[in-house]
Amino acid sequence: MMKRIMNIFLEPLKAFANRNFAEKVSIYFSKNKWFTYVVSVIITLIILFFAYVLPNIAW
């Protein structure tokens, strides 16, 4: 039972590892420097939204 539960969480990670996903992403980011800046700005805006805007919304 415990092995089945662990497999549910680990199988998607194994699929990414088998396809060399991290290597492909790092090669893409090293070729396209501008995309690194775009992704970092988006992540920063999401963090700012969750930190400052979301707590001040009156539901």
PDB file of N, CA and C in Angstrom:
ATOM      1  N   MET A   1       0.830  -1.194   0.000  1.00  0.00           N
ATOM      2  CA  MET A   1       0.000   0.000   0.000  1.00  0.00           C
ATOM      3  C   MET A   1       0.877   1.262   0.000  1.00  0.00           C
ATOM      4  N   MET A   2       1.868   1.275   0.884  1.00  0.00           N
ATOM      5  CA  MET A   2       2.740   2.436   0.983  1.00  0.00           C
ATOM      6  C   MET A   2       3.563   2.600  -0.295  1.00  0.00           C
ATOM      7  N   LYS A   3       3.950   1.479  -0.898  1.00  0.00           N
ATOM      8  CA  LYS A   3       4.730   1.527  -2.128  1.00  0.00           C
ATOM      9  C   LYS A   3       3.908   2.132  -3.264  1.00  0.00           C
ATOM     10  N   ARG A   4       2.627   1.815  -3.332  1.00  0.00           N
ATOM     11  CA  ARG A   4       1.757   2.394  -4.360  1.00  0.00           C
ATOM     12  C   ARG A   4       1.602   3.898  -4.185  1.00  0.00           C
ATOM     13  N   ILE A   5       1.484   4.340  -2.957  1.00  0.00           N
ATOM     14  CA  ILE A   5       1.347   5.778  -2.685  1.00  0.00           C
ATOM     15  C   ILE A   5       2.622   6.509  -3.079  1.00  0.00           C
ATOM     16  N   MET A   6       3.767   5.926  -2.760  1.00  0.00           N
ATOM     17  CA  MET A   6       5.033   6.556  -3.133  1.00  0.00           C
ATOM     18  C   MET A   6       5.211   6.592  -4.648  1.00  0.00           C
ATOM     19  N   ASN A   7       4.769   5.545  -5.347  1.00  0.00           N
ATOM     20  CA  ASN A   7       4.879   5.511  -6.801  1.00  0.00           C
ATOM     21  C   ASN A   7       4.026   6.584  -7.460  1.00  0.00           C
ATOM     22  N   ILE A   8       2.897   6.913  -6.871  1.00  0.00           N
ATOM     23  CA  ILE A   8       2.043   7.964  -7.420  1.00  0.00           C
ATOM     24  C   ILE A   8       2.795   9.294  -7.453  1.00  0.00           C
ATOM     25  N   PHE A   9       3.583   9.561  -6.427  1.00  0.00           N
ATOM     26  CA  PHE A   9       4.320  10.812  -6.362  1.00  0.00           C
ATOM     27  C   PHE A   9       5.634  10.773  -7.145  1.00  0.00           C
ATOM     28  N   LEU A  10       6.258   9.613  -7.233  1.00  0.00           N
ATOM     29  CA  LEU A  10       7.581   9.529  -7.842  1.00  0.00           C
ATOM     30  C   LEU A  10       7.562   9.265  -9.347  1.00  0.00           C
ATOM     31  N   GLU A  11       6.501   8.688  -9.865  1.00  0.00           N
ATOM     32  CA  GLU A  11       6.463   8.367 -11.297  1.00  0.00           C
ATOM     33  C   GLU A  11       6.572   9.603 -12.194  1.00  0.00           C
ATOM     34  N   PRO A  12       5.877  10.714 -11.915  1.00  0.00           N
ATOM     35  CA  PRO A  12       6.070  11.902 -12.765  1.00  0.00           C
ATOM     36  C   PRO A  12       7.501  12.430 -12.718  1.00  0.00           C
ATOM     37  N   LEU A  13       8.153  12.347 -11.572  1.00  0.00           N
ATOM     38  CA  LEU A  13       9.543  12.792 -11.477  1.00  0.00           C
ATOM     39  C   LEU A  13      10.460  11.889 -12.293  1.00  0.00           C
ATOM     40  N   LYS A  14      10.191  10.607 -12.277  1.00  0.00           N
ATOM     41  CA  LYS A  14      10.993   9.677 -13.067  1.00  0.00           C
ATOM     42  C   LYS A  14      10.810   9.944 -14.561  1.00  0.00           C
ATOM     43  N   ALA A  15       9.609  10.313 -14.965  1.00  0.00           N
ATOM     44  CA  ALA A  15       9.357  10.592 -16.382  1.00  0.00           C
ATOM     45  C   ALA A  15      10.173  11.795 -16.836  1.00  0.00           C
ATOM     46  N   PHE A  16      10.231  12.848 -16.030  1.00  0.00           N
ATOM     47  CA  PHE A  16      11.051  14.013 -16.379  1.00  0.00           C
ATOM     48  C   PHE A  16      12.538  13.658 -16.398  1.00  0.00           C
ATOM     49  N   ALA A  17      12.971  12.828 -15.483  1.00  0.00           N
ATOM     50  CA  ALA A  17      14.381  12.465 -15.416  1.00  0.00           C
ATOM     51  C   ALA A  17      14.800  11.621 -16.617  1.00  0.00           C
ATOM     52  N   ASN A  18      13.921  10.777 -17.078  1.00  0.00           N
ATOM     53  CA  ASN A  18      14.257   9.917 -18.207  1.00  0.00           C
ATOM     54  C   ASN A  18      14.343  10.674 -19.525  1.00  0.00           C
ATOM     55  N   ARG A  19      13.690  11.799 -19.628  1.00  0.00           N
ATOM     56  CA  ARG A  19      13.687  12.561 -20.874  1.00  0.00           C
ATOM     57  C   ARG A  19      14.735  13.664 -20.898  1.00  0.00           C
ATOM     58  N   ASN A  20      15.596  13.716 -19.906  1.00  0.00           N
ATOM     59  CA  ASN A  20      16.623  14.749 -19.796  1.00  0.00           C
ATOM     60  C   ASN A  20      16.010  16.153 -19.863  1.00  0.00           C
ATOM     61  N   PHE A  21      14.925  16.321 -19.155  1.00  0.00           N
ATOM     62  CA  PHE A  21      14.181  17.579 -19.173  1.00  0.00           C
ATOM     63  C   PHE A  21      15.018  18.737 -18.657  1.00  0.00           C
ATOM     64  N   ALA A  22      15.754  18.515 -17.581  1.00  0.00           N
ATOM     65  CA  ALA A  22      16.557  19.594 -16.986  1.00  0.00           C
ATOM     66  C   ALA A  22      17.657  20.051 -17.938  1.00  0.00           C
ATOM     67  N   GLU A  23      18.270  19.111 -18.630  1.00  0.00           N
ATOM     68  CA  GLU A  23      19.332  19.473 -19.570  1.00  0.00           C
ATOM     69  C   GLU A  23      18.785  20.293 -20.726  1.00  0.00           C
ATOM     70  N   LYS A  24      17.610  19.902 -21.225  1.00  0.00           N
ATOM     71  CA  LYS A  24      16.999  20.632 -22.336  1.00  0.00           C
ATOM     72  C   LYS A  24      16.621  22.054 -21.918  1.00  0.00           C
ATOM     73  N   VAL A  25      16.104  22.185 -20.706  1.00  0.00           N
ATOM     74  CA  VAL A  25      15.726  23.512 -20.213  1.00  0.00           C
ATOM     75  C   VAL A  25      16.963  24.381 -20.031  1.00  0.00           C
ATOM     76  N   SER A  26      18.018  23.823 -19.471  1.00  0.00           N
ATOM     77  CA  SER A  26      19.226  24.622 -19.256  1.00  0.00           C
ATOM     78  C   SER A  26      19.869  25.026 -20.581  1.00  0.00           C
ATOM     79  N   ILE A  27      19.837  24.155 -21.573  1.00  0.00           N
ATOM     80  CA  ILE A  27      20.364  24.519 -22.895  1.00  0.00           C
ATOM     81  C   ILE A  27      19.534  25.634 -23.506  1.00  0.00           C
ATOM     82  N   TYR A  28      18.205  25.551 -23.375  1.00  0.00           N
ATOM     83  CA  TYR A  28      17.335  26.587 -23.932  1.00  0.00           C
ATOM     84  C   TYR A  28      17.590  27.932 -23.253  1.00  0.00           C
ATOM     85  N   PHE A  29      17.712  27.926 -21.924  1.00  0.00           N
ATOM     86  CA  PHE A  29      17.950  29.177 -21.207  1.00  0.00           C
ATOM     87  C   PHE A  29      19.331  29.750 -21.507  1.00  0.00           C
ATOM     88  N   SER A  30      20.304  28.912 -21.741  1.00  0.00           N
ATOM     89  CA  SER A  30      21.633  29.436 -22.061  1.00  0.00           C
ATOM     90  C   SER A  30      21.681  30.032 -23.466  1.00  0.00           C
ATOM     91  N   LYS A  31      20.861  29.547 -24.370  1.00  0.00           N
ATOM     92  CA  LYS A  31      20.814  30.101 -25.728  1.00  0.00           C
ATOM     93  C   LYS A  31      19.989  31.375 -25.783  1.00  0.00           C
ATOM     94  N   ASN A  32      18.958  31.470 -24.957  1.00  0.00           N
ATOM     95  CA  ASN A  32      18.044  32.619 -24.973  1.00  0.00           C
ATOM     96  C   ASN A  32      18.129  33.365 -23.645  1.00  0.00           C
ATOM     97  N   LYS A  33      19.066  34.290 -23.568  1.00  0.00           N
ATOM     98  CA  LYS A  33      19.275  35.038 -22.318  1.00  0.00           C
ATOM     99  C   LYS A  33      18.069  35.899 -21.964  1.00  0.00           C
ATOM    100  N   TRP A  34      17.377  36.427 -22.961  1.00  0.00           N
ATOM    101  CA  TRP A  34      16.243  37.304 -22.700  1.00  0.00           C
ATOM    102  C   TRP A  34      15.111  36.539 -22.020  1.00  0.00           C
ATOM    103  N   PHE A  35      14.971  35.253 -22.323  1.00  0.00           N
ATOM    104  CA  PHE A  35      13.901  34.465 -21.726  1.00  0.00           C
ATOM    105  C   PHE A  35      14.115  34.282 -20.227  1.00  0.00           C
ATOM    106  N   THR A  36      15.367  34.257 -19.804  1.00  0.00           N
ATOM    107  CA  THR A  36      15.680  34.182 -18.381  1.00  0.00           C
ATOM    108  C   THR A  36      15.136  35.401 -17.650  1.00  0.00           C
ATOM    109  N   TYR A  37      15.290  36.568 -18.255  1.00  0.00           N
ATOM    110  CA  TYR A  37      14.780  37.793 -17.640  1.00  0.00           C
ATOM    111  C   TYR A  37      13.258  37.806 -17.610  1.00  0.00           C
ATOM    112  N   VAL A  38      12.633  37.338 -18.647  1.00  0.00           N
ATOM    113  CA  VAL A  38      11.168  37.302 -18.690  1.00  0.00           C
ATOM    114  C   VAL A  38      10.619  36.393 -17.598  1.00  0.00           C
ATOM    115  N   VAL A  39      11.192  35.211 -17.469  1.00  0.00           N
ATOM    116  CA  VAL A  39      10.731  34.267 -16.445  1.00  0.00           C
ATOM    117  C   VAL A  39      10.976  34.810 -15.042  1.00  0.00           C
ATOM    118  N   SER A  40      12.115  35.448 -14.824  1.00  0.00           N
ATOM    119  CA  SER A  40      12.397  35.988 -13.490  1.00  0.00           C
ATOM    120  C   SER A  40      11.464  37.143 -13.138  1.00  0.00           C
ATOM    121  N   VAL A  41      11.110  37.975 -14.108  1.00  0.00           N
ATOM    122  CA  VAL A  41      10.155  39.064 -13.856  1.00  0.00           C
ATOM    123  C   VAL A  41       8.778  38.493 -13.530  1.00  0.00           C
ATOM    124  N   ILE A  42       8.352  37.475 -14.246  1.00  0.00           N
ATOM    125  CA  ILE A  42       7.047  36.865 -13.981  1.00  0.00           C
ATOM    126  C   ILE A  42       7.015  36.249 -12.587  1.00  0.00           C
ATOM    127  N   ILE A  43       8.072  35.546 -12.211  1.00  0.00           N
ATOM    128  CA  ILE A  43       8.120  34.940 -10.876  1.00  0.00           C
ATOM    129  C   ILE A  43       8.125  36.015  -9.799  1.00  0.00           C
ATOM    130  N   THR A  44       8.845  37.100 -10.025  1.00  0.00           N
ATOM    131  CA  THR A  44       8.879  38.197  -9.058  1.00  0.00           C
ATOM    132  C   THR A  44       7.501  38.836  -8.909  1.00  0.00           C
ATOM    133  N   LEU A  45       6.798  39.033 -10.006  1.00  0.00           N
ATOM    134  CA  LEU A  45       5.451  39.609  -9.940  1.00  0.00           C
ATOM    135  C   LEU A  45       4.479  38.685  -9.214  1.00  0.00           C
ATOM    136  N   ILE A  46       4.607  37.408  -9.412  1.00  0.00           N
ATOM    137  CA  ILE A  46       3.739  36.464  -8.701  1.00  0.00           C
ATOM    138  C   ILE A  46       4.018  36.495  -7.205  1.00  0.00           C
ATOM    139  N   ILE A  47       5.283  36.553  -6.827  1.00  0.00           N
ATOM    140  CA  ILE A  47       5.634  36.629  -5.401  1.00  0.00           C
ATOM    141  C   ILE A  47       5.109  37.923  -4.786  1.00  0.00           C
ATOM    142  N   LEU A  48       5.263  39.032  -5.494  1.00  0.00           N
ATOM    143  CA  LEU A  48       4.742  40.305  -4.981  1.00  0.00           C
ATOM    144  C   LEU A  48       3.226  40.278  -4.863  1.00  0.00           C
ATOM    145  N   PHE A  49       2.562  39.654  -5.804  1.00  0.00           N
ATOM    146  CA  PHE A  49       1.103  39.554  -5.740  1.00  0.00           C
ATOM    147  C   PHE A  49       0.671  38.785  -4.504  1.00  0.00           C
ATOM    148  N   PHE A  50       1.299  37.640  -4.271  1.00  0.00           N
ATOM    149  CA  PHE A  50       0.926  36.840  -3.107  1.00  0.00           C
ATOM    150  C   PHE A  50       1.326  37.508  -1.799  1.00  0.00           C
ATOM    151  N   ALA A  51       2.387  38.289  -1.802  1.00  0.00           N
ATOM    152  CA  ALA A  51       2.864  38.899  -0.562  1.00  0.00           C
ATOM    153  C   ALA A  51       2.095  40.167  -0.191  1.00  0.00           C
ATOM    154  N   TYR A  52       1.752  40.985  -1.200  1.00  0.00           N
ATOM    155  CA  TYR A  52       1.173  42.289  -0.888  1.00  0.00           C
ATOM    156  C   TYR A  52      -0.276  42.466  -1.313  1.00  0.00           C
ATOM    157  N   VAL A  53      -0.664  41.947  -2.429  1.00  0.00           N
ATOM    158  CA  VAL A  53      -2.011  42.201  -2.936  1.00  0.00           C
ATOM    159  C   VAL A  53      -3.020  41.237  -2.336  1.00  0.00           C
ATOM    160  N   LEU A  54      -2.719  39.970  -2.343  1.00  0.00           N
ATOM    161  CA  LEU A  54      -3.663  38.966  -1.887  1.00  0.00           C
ATOM    162  C   LEU A  54      -4.091  39.144  -0.432  1.00  0.00           C
ATOM    163  N   PRO A  55      -3.185  39.441   0.515  1.00  0.00           N
ATOM    164  CA  PRO A  55      -3.637  39.614   1.907  1.00  0.00           C
ATOM    165  C   PRO A  55      -4.528  40.850   2.107  1.00  0.00           C
ATOM    166  N   ASN A  56      -4.468  41.821   1.222  1.00  0.00           N
ATOM    167  CA  ASN A  56      -5.253  43.045   1.403  1.00  0.00           C
ATOM    168  C   ASN A  56      -6.612  42.990   0.736  1.00  0.00           C
ATOM    169  N   ILE A  57      -6.912  41.932   0.039  1.00  0.00           N
ATOM    170  CA  ILE A  57      -8.233  41.811  -0.599  1.00  0.00           C
ATOM    171  C   ILE A  57      -9.240  41.365   0.452  1.00  0.00           C
ATOM    172  N   ALA A  58     -10.323  42.108   0.550  1.00  0.00           N
ATOM    173  CA  ALA A  58     -11.377  41.777   1.520  1.00  0.00           C
ATOM    174  C   ALA A  58     -12.372  40.853   0.838  1.00  0.00           C
ATOM    175  N   TRP A  59     -12.371  39.605   1.265  1.00  0.00           N
ATOM    176  CA  TRP A  59     -13.278  38.628   0.658  1.00  0.00           C
ATOM    177  C   TRP A  59     -14.610  38.819   1.292  1.00  0.00           C
TER     178      TRP A  59
END
